[in-house]
Amino acid sequence: MKMFSSVPAVFLYRDFVDFRKSINGLATIVEQQMERSPLSGSVFVFCNKGRDKLKVLYWDNTGFALWYKRLEKDKFKWPTTLNRQSMNLPEQQLHWLFDGFDVLGHQAISYQSVAL
């Protein structure tokens, strides 16, 4: 099921979230900490500390929707090494995250010389 298609943007919130938060609490994080508008139509993705649950918040022009995913085994590959509060993802990478892939991939390496 491709639930999230043709969204303007996808943002991951880097820090883990207390999953007792619902729509109002997550929308407040989007506004105050991510400094974005939760009414933009963008998709905002949050993860719990155990990395086995995701919450996805979005506005669909009629109201907020909150999507919840719990893994029975395994953990989501959550990008904890970001230097910024949130990360913008292409829609395809959002689906990769749902499928269990690491959305950060390999980090660029810069060498001064090829001599070992």
N, C-alpha and C. Protein backbone atom coordinates (compact mmCIF):
# COMPACT_ATOMS: atom_id res chain seq x y z
N MET A 1 0.85 -1.18 0.00
CA MET A 1 0.00 0.00 0.00
C MET A 1 0.89 1.24 0.00
N LYS A 2 0.73 2.07 -0.98
CA LYS A 2 1.47 3.32 -1.04
C LYS A 2 0.58 4.43 -0.50
N MET A 3 0.66 4.63 0.79
CA MET A 3 -0.19 5.59 1.45
C MET A 3 0.29 7.02 1.23
N PHE A 4 1.60 7.21 1.23
CA PHE A 4 2.17 8.54 1.11
C PHE A 4 2.76 8.69 -0.28
N SER A 5 2.00 9.29 -1.19
CA SER A 5 2.50 9.53 -2.53
C SER A 5 2.21 10.97 -2.91
N SER A 6 3.12 11.57 -3.63
CA SER A 6 2.99 12.95 -4.08
C SER A 6 2.87 13.93 -2.91
N VAL A 7 3.65 13.71 -1.87
CA VAL A 7 3.67 14.65 -0.76
C VAL A 7 4.70 15.74 -1.06
N PRO A 8 4.47 16.97 -0.58
CA PRO A 8 5.42 18.05 -0.87
C PRO A 8 6.82 17.79 -0.31
N ALA A 9 6.89 17.22 0.90
CA ALA A 9 8.18 16.95 1.53
C ALA A 9 7.98 15.95 2.66
N VAL A 10 9.06 15.26 3.00
CA VAL A 10 9.07 14.31 4.11
C VAL A 10 10.19 14.73 5.05
N PHE A 11 9.87 14.87 6.33
CA PHE A 11 10.87 15.27 7.32
C PHE A 11 10.92 14.25 8.45
N LEU A 12 12.12 13.79 8.77
CA LEU A 12 12.34 12.93 9.94
C LEU A 12 12.78 13.81 11.08
N TYR A 13 12.19 13.59 12.24
CA TYR A 13 12.65 14.27 13.45
C TYR A 13 13.73 13.39 14.07
N ARG A 14 14.93 13.91 14.23
CA ARG A 14 16.08 13.13 14.64
C ARG A 14 15.96 12.52 16.03
N ASP A 15 15.50 13.29 17.00
CA ASP A 15 15.45 12.81 18.38
C ASP A 15 14.29 11.84 18.57
N PHE A 16 14.44 10.97 19.55
CA PHE A 16 13.36 10.05 19.86
C PHE A 16 12.25 10.79 20.59
N VAL A 17 11.01 10.34 20.40
CA VAL A 17 9.83 11.03 20.91
C VAL A 17 9.10 10.12 21.90
N ASP A 18 8.56 10.74 22.94
CA ASP A 18 7.69 10.04 23.88
C ASP A 18 6.40 9.71 23.12
N PHE A 19 6.11 8.44 22.95
CA PHE A 19 4.97 8.04 22.13
C PHE A 19 3.62 8.20 22.82
N ARG A 20 3.60 8.79 24.00
CA ARG A 20 2.31 9.19 24.56
C ARG A 20 1.79 10.43 23.86
N LYS A 21 2.69 11.13 23.15
CA LYS A 21 2.27 12.31 22.39
C LYS A 21 1.39 11.88 21.23
N SER A 22 0.38 12.69 21.00
CA SER A 22 -0.52 12.42 19.88
C SER A 22 -0.43 13.60 18.91
N ILE A 23 -1.49 13.90 18.21
CA ILE A 23 -1.46 14.92 17.16
C ILE A 23 -1.01 16.28 17.69
N ASN A 24 -1.62 16.76 18.76
CA ASN A 24 -1.28 18.09 19.26
C ASN A 24 0.17 18.18 19.72
N GLY A 25 0.66 17.17 20.43
CA GLY A 25 2.04 17.18 20.91
C GLY A 25 3.04 17.10 19.77
N LEU A 26 2.76 16.28 18.77
CA LEU A 26 3.67 16.16 17.64
C LEU A 26 3.63 17.42 16.77
N ALA A 27 2.45 18.01 16.59
CA ALA A 27 2.35 19.26 15.83
C ALA A 27 3.13 20.38 16.51
N THR A 28 3.15 20.38 17.83
CA THR A 28 3.94 21.36 18.58
C THR A 28 5.42 21.16 18.34
N ILE A 29 5.89 19.93 18.30
CA ILE A 29 7.30 19.65 17.99
C ILE A 29 7.64 20.16 16.59
N VAL A 30 6.74 19.93 15.64
CA VAL A 30 6.97 20.39 14.26
C VAL A 30 7.13 21.91 14.24
N GLU A 31 6.23 22.61 14.92
CA GLU A 31 6.28 24.08 14.91
C GLU A 31 7.46 24.64 15.69
N GLN A 32 7.65 24.16 16.92
CA GLN A 32 8.62 24.79 17.81
C GLN A 32 10.04 24.27 17.64
N GLN A 33 10.22 22.99 17.43
CA GLN A 33 11.58 22.44 17.36
C GLN A 33 12.07 22.27 15.93
N MET A 34 11.17 21.86 15.04
CA MET A 34 11.57 21.70 13.64
C MET A 34 11.42 23.00 12.85
N GLU A 35 10.69 23.96 13.44
CA GLU A 35 10.45 25.27 12.84
C GLU A 35 9.84 25.15 11.44
N ARG A 36 8.81 24.30 11.36
CA ARG A 36 8.08 24.07 10.11
C ARG A 36 6.58 24.17 10.41
N SER A 37 5.80 24.30 9.37
CA SER A 37 4.36 24.35 9.55
C SER A 37 3.77 22.95 9.42
N PRO A 38 3.08 22.47 10.45
CA PRO A 38 2.44 21.16 10.33
C PRO A 38 1.25 21.17 9.37
N LEU A 39 0.84 22.36 8.91
CA LEU A 39 -0.29 22.50 7.99
C LEU A 39 0.15 22.55 6.53
N SER A 40 1.43 22.30 6.27
CA SER A 40 1.98 22.45 4.92
C SER A 40 1.64 21.30 3.98
N GLY A 41 1.14 20.20 4.52
CA GLY A 41 0.91 19.02 3.70
C GLY A 41 2.09 18.08 3.69
N SER A 42 3.19 18.51 4.30
CA SER A 42 4.37 17.66 4.41
C SER A 42 4.10 16.53 5.39
N VAL A 43 4.90 15.50 5.28
CA VAL A 43 4.81 14.34 6.16
C VAL A 43 5.93 14.46 7.18
N PHE A 44 5.59 14.28 8.47
CA PHE A 44 6.57 14.37 9.56
C PHE A 44 6.63 13.02 10.25
N VAL A 45 7.85 12.47 10.35
CA VAL A 45 8.03 11.11 10.85
C VAL A 45 8.79 11.16 12.18
N PHE A 46 8.27 10.43 13.17
CA PHE A 46 8.83 10.38 14.51
C PHE A 46 9.07 8.93 14.90
N CYS A 47 10.08 8.70 15.74
CA CYS A 47 10.42 7.35 16.18
C CYS A 47 10.50 7.31 17.70
N ASN A 48 10.20 6.15 18.28
CA ASN A 48 10.34 5.99 19.73
C ASN A 48 11.77 5.56 20.08
N LYS A 49 12.09 5.60 21.36
CA LYS A 49 13.45 5.29 21.80
C LYS A 49 13.85 3.85 21.48
N GLY A 50 12.90 2.93 21.51
CA GLY A 50 13.19 1.53 21.21
C GLY A 50 13.35 1.26 19.71
N ARG A 51 13.06 2.27 18.89
CA ARG A 51 13.17 2.20 17.43
C ARG A 51 12.32 1.10 16.80
N ASP A 52 11.26 0.70 17.49
CA ASP A 52 10.36 -0.30 16.91
C ASP A 52 9.00 0.28 16.55
N LYS A 53 8.84 1.60 16.72
CA LYS A 53 7.57 2.25 16.42
C LYS A 53 7.83 3.56 15.68
N LEU A 54 6.95 3.86 14.73
CA LEU A 54 6.96 5.13 14.02
C LEU A 54 5.59 5.78 14.13
N LYS A 55 5.58 7.09 14.22
CA LYS A 55 4.35 7.87 14.06
C LYS A 55 4.60 8.84 12.92
N VAL A 56 3.60 8.96 12.05
CA VAL A 56 3.69 9.84 10.90
C VAL A 56 2.51 10.81 10.98
N LEU A 57 2.83 12.09 11.03
CA LEU A 57 1.82 13.14 11.13
C LEU A 57 1.74 13.89 9.82
N TYR A 58 0.53 14.14 9.35
CA TYR A 58 0.37 14.96 8.16
C TYR A 58 -1.00 15.62 8.15
N TRP A 59 -1.09 16.70 7.41
CA TRP A 59 -2.32 17.47 7.23
C TRP A 59 -2.83 17.19 5.83
N ASP A 60 -4.09 16.78 5.68
CA ASP A 60 -4.60 16.43 4.35
C ASP A 60 -5.68 17.38 3.85
N ASN A 61 -5.64 18.61 4.31
CA ASN A 61 -6.58 19.68 3.93
C ASN A 61 -7.97 19.54 4.54
N THR A 62 -8.22 18.47 5.28
CA THR A 62 -9.49 18.36 6.00
C THR A 62 -9.25 18.18 7.49
N GLY A 63 -8.01 17.90 7.85
CA GLY A 63 -7.65 17.70 9.25
C GLY A 63 -6.34 16.94 9.33
N PHE A 64 -5.87 16.76 10.55
CA PHE A 64 -4.64 16.01 10.76
C PHE A 64 -4.92 14.52 10.70
N ALA A 65 -3.93 13.78 10.23
CA ALA A 65 -3.97 12.33 10.25
C ALA A 65 -2.70 11.85 10.94
N LEU A 66 -2.84 10.79 11.71
CA LEU A 66 -1.70 10.22 12.41
C LEU A 66 -1.63 8.74 12.07
N TRP A 67 -0.52 8.34 11.49
CA TRP A 67 -0.30 6.95 11.07
C TRP A 67 0.70 6.35 12.06
N TYR A 68 0.45 5.12 12.48
CA TYR A 68 1.26 4.46 13.50
C TYR A 68 1.72 3.11 12.98
N LYS A 69 3.01 2.83 13.12
CA LYS A 69 3.57 1.55 12.68
C LYS A 69 4.38 0.96 13.82
N ARG A 70 4.10 -0.32 14.14
CA ARG A 70 4.87 -1.03 15.17
C ARG A 70 5.46 -2.29 14.55
N LEU A 71 6.77 -2.45 14.72
CA LEU A 71 7.43 -3.66 14.25
C LEU A 71 7.32 -4.73 15.33
N GLU A 72 7.04 -5.93 14.94
CA GLU A 72 6.97 -7.04 15.89
C GLU A 72 8.37 -7.60 16.17
N LYS A 73 9.26 -7.49 15.20
CA LYS A 73 10.66 -7.88 15.35
C LYS A 73 11.49 -6.80 14.67
N ASP A 74 12.77 -6.77 14.96
CA ASP A 74 13.69 -5.83 14.32
C ASP A 74 13.47 -4.40 14.82
N LYS A 75 14.25 -3.50 14.25
CA LYS A 75 14.19 -2.08 14.60
C LYS A 75 14.33 -1.26 13.33
N PHE A 76 13.78 -0.05 13.37
CA PHE A 76 13.95 0.87 12.25
C PHE A 76 15.38 1.39 12.24
N LYS A 77 15.91 1.60 11.07
CA LYS A 77 17.26 2.16 10.90
C LYS A 77 17.14 3.68 11.01
N TRP A 78 17.20 4.18 12.23
CA TRP A 78 16.95 5.60 12.48
C TRP A 78 18.26 6.38 12.43
N PRO A 79 18.31 7.49 11.70
CA PRO A 79 19.54 8.28 11.57
C PRO A 79 19.83 9.10 12.83
N THR A 80 20.56 8.53 13.78
CA THR A 80 20.84 9.21 15.04
C THR A 80 22.10 10.07 14.99
N THR A 81 22.86 10.01 13.91
CA THR A 81 24.12 10.75 13.84
C THR A 81 23.99 12.08 13.11
N LEU A 82 22.80 12.55 12.90
CA LEU A 82 22.60 13.83 12.21
C LEU A 82 23.06 14.98 13.08
N ASN A 83 23.61 16.02 12.47
CA ASN A 83 24.01 17.22 13.19
C ASN A 83 22.87 18.23 13.28
N ARG A 84 21.77 17.94 12.62
CA ARG A 84 20.64 18.87 12.63
C ARG A 84 19.41 18.18 13.25
N GLN A 85 18.43 18.98 13.60
CA GLN A 85 17.24 18.49 14.30
C GLN A 85 16.35 17.60 13.43
N SER A 86 16.33 17.87 12.12
CA SER A 86 15.48 17.08 11.24
C SER A 86 16.19 16.82 9.92
N MET A 87 15.62 15.91 9.16
CA MET A 87 16.21 15.50 7.89
C MET A 87 15.11 15.45 6.85
N ASN A 88 15.37 16.04 5.69
CA ASN A 88 14.41 16.02 4.59
C ASN A 88 14.71 14.79 3.73
N LEU A 89 13.68 13.99 3.46
CA LEU A 89 13.85 12.77 2.67
C LEU A 89 13.03 12.84 1.39
N PRO A 90 13.54 12.24 0.32
CA PRO A 90 12.67 12.01 -0.83
C PRO A 90 11.62 10.96 -0.45
N GLU A 91 10.50 10.99 -1.11
CA GLU A 91 9.41 10.05 -0.81
C GLU A 91 9.87 8.59 -0.90
N GLN A 92 10.71 8.30 -1.89
CA GLN A 92 11.22 6.93 -2.06
C GLN A 92 11.97 6.45 -0.82
N GLN A 93 12.76 7.35 -0.22
CA GLN A 93 13.49 6.96 0.99
C GLN A 93 12.56 6.73 2.17
N LEU A 94 11.43 7.42 2.22
CA LEU A 94 10.44 7.14 3.26
C LEU A 94 9.97 5.70 3.14
N HIS A 95 9.68 5.26 1.94
CA HIS A 95 9.25 3.88 1.74
C HIS A 95 10.37 2.90 2.06
N TRP A 96 11.62 3.29 1.78
CA TRP A 96 12.75 2.44 2.16
C TRP A 96 12.84 2.30 3.67
N LEU A 97 12.62 3.41 4.39
CA LEU A 97 12.63 3.37 5.85
C LEU A 97 11.57 2.39 6.35
N PHE A 98 10.36 2.46 5.80
CA PHE A 98 9.30 1.53 6.18
C PHE A 98 9.70 0.08 5.90
N ASP A 99 10.49 -0.12 4.84
CA ASP A 99 10.91 -1.47 4.46
C ASP A 99 12.15 -1.95 5.21
N GLY A 100 12.73 -1.09 6.06
CA GLY A 100 13.84 -1.53 6.89
C GLY A 100 15.22 -1.15 6.41
N PHE A 101 15.31 -0.31 5.40
CA PHE A 101 16.62 0.08 4.89
C PHE A 101 17.13 1.32 5.61
N ASP A 102 18.45 1.49 5.63
CA ASP A 102 19.10 2.66 6.21
C ASP A 102 18.98 3.80 5.21
N VAL A 103 18.27 4.85 5.54
CA VAL A 103 18.05 5.94 4.60
C VAL A 103 19.24 6.88 4.49
N LEU A 104 20.19 6.81 5.41
CA LEU A 104 21.38 7.65 5.30
C LEU A 104 22.38 7.07 4.32
N GLY A 105 22.44 5.76 4.21
CA GLY A 105 23.41 5.15 3.32
C GLY A 105 24.83 5.37 3.80
N HIS A 106 25.75 5.32 2.90
CA HIS A 106 27.16 5.51 3.24
C HIS A 106 27.48 6.99 3.29
N GLN A 107 28.36 7.35 4.21
CA GLN A 107 28.79 8.72 4.34
C GLN A 107 30.00 8.98 3.43
N ALA A 108 30.07 10.16 2.87
CA ALA A 108 31.19 10.54 2.01
C ALA A 108 32.48 10.57 2.83
N ILE A 109 33.55 10.13 2.21
CA ILE A 109 34.87 10.14 2.85
C ILE A 109 35.80 10.99 2.01
N SER A 110 36.58 11.81 2.66
CA SER A 110 37.51 12.68 1.95
C SER A 110 38.92 12.42 2.44
N TYR A 111 39.80 12.05 1.51
CA TYR A 111 41.20 11.78 1.83
C TYR A 111 42.07 12.87 1.23
N GLN A 112 43.22 13.12 1.84
CA GLN A 112 44.18 14.07 1.33
C GLN A 112 45.15 13.42 0.34
N SER A 113 45.33 12.10 0.47
CA SER A 113 46.29 11.38 -0.36
C SER A 113 45.83 9.95 -0.53
N VAL A 114 46.27 9.29 -1.60
CA VAL A 114 45.96 7.91 -1.81
C VAL A 114 47.05 6.99 -1.26
N ALA A 115 48.15 7.56 -0.80
CA ALA A 115 49.24 6.77 -0.24
C ALA A 115 48.81 6.14 1.08
N LEU A 116 49.13 4.85 1.25
CA LEU A 116 48.76 4.17 2.48
C LEU A 116 49.92 4.15 3.36
